Amino acid sequence: MYLTAEKKKEIFKKHGKSENDTGTSEAQIALFTYRISHLTEHLKNNRKDFNTQRSLVKLVGKRRDLLDYLMKVDIERYRNIVKELGLRK
């Protein structure tokens, strides 16, 4: 499995306040980014997997909503997470 409990804890520890902090926007955006990159690689090899393609589009939308919320609430946190994950130039 590509997303184990240890990998989740690592992501949350790096981008959240602690490894048990799963609710902050930064932690959720980092998790979505990891999942998006994995699904993108999967779709490169399996072009006709339309269920995965739909899941990818939904994940990108969720991440976009969280990024928009973070930009509205706290622009500095938004800039930090975008810079950290390399989402925009």
C-alpha atoms as a PDB file:
ATOM      1  CA  MET A   1       0.000   0.000   0.000  1.00  0.00           C
ATOM      2  CA  TYR A   2       1.335   3.416  -0.885  1.00  0.00           C
ATOM      3  CA  LEU A   3      -0.010   5.340   2.108  1.00  0.00           C
ATOM      4  CA  THR A   4       0.813   3.582   5.342  1.00  0.00           C
ATOM      5  CA  ALA A   5       0.133   4.854   8.841  1.00  0.00           C
ATOM      6  CA  GLU A   6       3.834   5.619   9.259  1.00  0.00           C
ATOM      7  CA  LYS A   7       3.887   7.710   6.089  1.00  0.00           C
ATOM      8  CA  LYS A   8       0.834   9.671   7.270  1.00  0.00           C
ATOM      9  CA  LYS A   9       2.467  10.335  10.631  1.00  0.00           C
ATOM     10  CA  GLU A  10       5.609  11.508   8.854  1.00  0.00           C
ATOM     11  CA  ILE A  11       3.614  13.927   6.695  1.00  0.00           C
ATOM     12  CA  PHE A  12       1.629  15.241   9.664  1.00  0.00           C
ATOM     13  CA  LYS A  13       4.781  15.619  11.774  1.00  0.00           C
ATOM     14  CA  LYS A  14       6.528  17.590   9.043  1.00  0.00           C
ATOM     15  CA  HIS A  15       3.646  19.868   8.069  1.00  0.00           C
ATOM     16  CA  GLY A  16       1.404  19.879  11.133  1.00  0.00           C
ATOM     17  CA  LYS A  17       2.062  20.829  14.722  1.00  0.00           C
ATOM     18  CA  SER A  18       2.689  17.196  15.716  1.00  0.00           C
ATOM     19  CA  GLU A  19       2.278  13.734  14.236  1.00  0.00           C
ATOM     20  CA  ASN A  20      -1.190  13.500  15.776  1.00  0.00           C
ATOM     21  CA  ASP A  21      -2.241  16.872  14.350  1.00  0.00           C
ATOM     22  CA  THR A  22      -4.316  15.758  11.386  1.00  0.00           C
ATOM     23  CA  GLY A  23      -6.749  18.645  11.173  1.00  0.00           C
ATOM     24  CA  THR A  24      -4.742  21.706  10.252  1.00  0.00           C
ATOM     25  CA  SER A  25      -5.014  23.000   6.728  1.00  0.00           C
ATOM     26  CA  GLU A  26      -1.283  22.638   6.144  1.00  0.00           C
ATOM     27  CA  ALA A  27      -1.301  18.963   7.127  1.00  0.00           C
ATOM     28  CA  GLN A  28      -4.338  18.207   4.971  1.00  0.00           C
ATOM     29  CA  ILE A  29      -2.863  20.044   1.973  1.00  0.00           C
ATOM     30  CA  ALA A  30       0.402  18.113   2.349  1.00  0.00           C
ATOM     31  CA  LEU A  31      -1.475  14.809   2.520  1.00  0.00           C
ATOM     32  CA  PHE A  32      -3.573  15.692  -0.525  1.00  0.00           C
ATOM     33  CA  THR A  33      -0.426  16.688  -2.419  1.00  0.00           C
ATOM     34  CA  TYR A  34       1.201  13.349  -1.636  1.00  0.00           C
ATOM     35  CA  ARG A  35      -1.891  11.469  -2.768  1.00  0.00           C
ATOM     36  CA  ILE A  36      -2.207  13.586  -5.924  1.00  0.00           C
ATOM     37  CA  SER A  37       1.384  12.872  -6.924  1.00  0.00           C
ATOM     38  CA  HIS A  38       0.841   9.148  -6.388  1.00  0.00           C
ATOM     39  CA  LEU A  39      -2.374   9.092  -8.435  1.00  0.00           C
ATOM     40  CA  THR A  40      -0.719  11.119 -11.191  1.00  0.00           C
ATOM     41  CA  GLU A  41       2.051   8.532 -11.477  1.00  0.00           C
ATOM     42  CA  HIS A  42      -0.544   5.742 -11.519  1.00  0.00           C
ATOM     43  CA  LEU A  43      -2.459   7.423 -14.334  1.00  0.00           C
ATOM     44  CA  LYS A  44       0.680   7.763 -16.440  1.00  0.00           C
ATOM     45  CA  ASN A  45       0.781   3.971 -16.668  1.00  0.00           C
ATOM     46  CA  ASN A  46      -2.988   3.314 -16.618  1.00  0.00           C
ATOM     47  CA  ARG A  47      -4.541   5.857 -18.928  1.00  0.00           C
ATOM     48  CA  LYS A  48      -7.981   4.233 -19.045  1.00  0.00           C
ATOM     49  CA  ASP A  49      -8.488   4.084 -15.283  1.00  0.00           C
ATOM     50  CA  PHE A  50     -11.365   6.540 -15.176  1.00  0.00           C
ATOM     51  CA  ASN A  51     -12.265   5.929 -11.528  1.00  0.00           C
ATOM     52  CA  THR A  52      -8.789   6.989 -10.463  1.00  0.00           C
ATOM     53  CA  GLN A  53      -8.983   9.954 -12.799  1.00  0.00           C
ATOM     54  CA  ARG A  54     -12.227  11.063 -11.150  1.00  0.00           C
ATOM     55  CA  SER A  55     -10.680  10.623  -7.691  1.00  0.00           C
ATOM     56  CA  LEU A  56      -7.712  12.716  -8.756  1.00  0.00           C
ATOM     57  CA  VAL A  57      -9.948  15.544  -9.944  1.00  0.00           C
ATOM     58  CA  LYS A  58     -11.876  15.469  -6.656  1.00  0.00           C
ATOM     59  CA  LEU A  59      -8.642  15.570  -4.631  1.00  0.00           C
ATOM     60  CA  VAL A  60      -7.324  18.508  -6.615  1.00  0.00           C
ATOM     61  CA  GLY A  61     -10.590  20.336  -5.949  1.00  0.00           C
ATOM     62  CA  LYS A  62     -10.398  19.633  -2.224  1.00  0.00           C
ATOM     63  CA  ARG A  63      -6.816  20.857  -2.090  1.00  0.00           C
ATOM     64  CA  ARG A  64      -7.762  23.983  -4.055  1.00  0.00           C
ATOM     65  CA  ASP A  65     -10.598  24.721  -1.607  1.00  0.00           C
ATOM     66  CA  LEU A  66      -8.244  24.364   1.370  1.00  0.00           C
ATOM     67  CA  LEU A  67      -5.643  26.588  -0.285  1.00  0.00           C
ATOM     68  CA  ASP A  68      -8.287  29.235  -1.008  1.00  0.00           C
ATOM     69  CA  TYR A  69      -9.475  29.070   2.608  1.00  0.00           C
ATOM     70  CA  LEU A  70      -5.926  29.372   3.922  1.00  0.00           C
ATOM     71  CA  MET A  71      -5.214  32.319   1.638  1.00  0.00           C
ATOM     72  CA  LYS A  72      -8.330  34.079   2.913  1.00  0.00           C
ATOM     73  CA  VAL A  73      -7.638  33.382   6.607  1.00  0.00           C
ATOM     74  CA  ASP A  74      -3.846  33.721   6.897  1.00  0.00           C
ATOM     75  CA  ILE A  75      -1.765  34.736   3.878  1.00  0.00           C
ATOM     76  CA  GLU A  76       1.561  33.952   5.569  1.00  0.00           C
ATOM     77  CA  ARG A  77       0.593  30.345   6.314  1.00  0.00           C
ATOM     78  CA  TYR A  78      -0.594  30.080   2.715  1.00  0.00           C
ATOM     79  CA  ARG A  79       2.707  31.359   1.365  1.00  0.00           C
ATOM     80  CA  ASN A  80       4.680  29.011   3.597  1.00  0.00           C
ATOM     81  CA  ILE A  81       2.810  25.873   2.558  1.00  0.00           C
ATOM     82  CA  VAL A  82       2.900  26.793  -1.134  1.00  0.00           C
ATOM     83  CA  LYS A  83       6.639  27.407  -0.923  1.00  0.00           C
ATOM     84  CA  GLU A  84       7.240  24.242   1.109  1.00  0.00           C
ATOM     85  CA  LEU A  85       5.341  21.973  -1.254  1.00  0.00           C
ATOM     86  CA  GLY A  86       6.322  23.792  -4.433  1.00  0.00           C
ATOM     87  CA  LEU A  87       2.750  24.193  -5.628  1.00  0.00           C
ATOM     88  CA  ARG A  88       3.088  27.523  -7.423  1.00  0.00           C
ATOM     89  CA  LYS A  89       5.853  29.700  -8.733  1.00  0.00           C
END
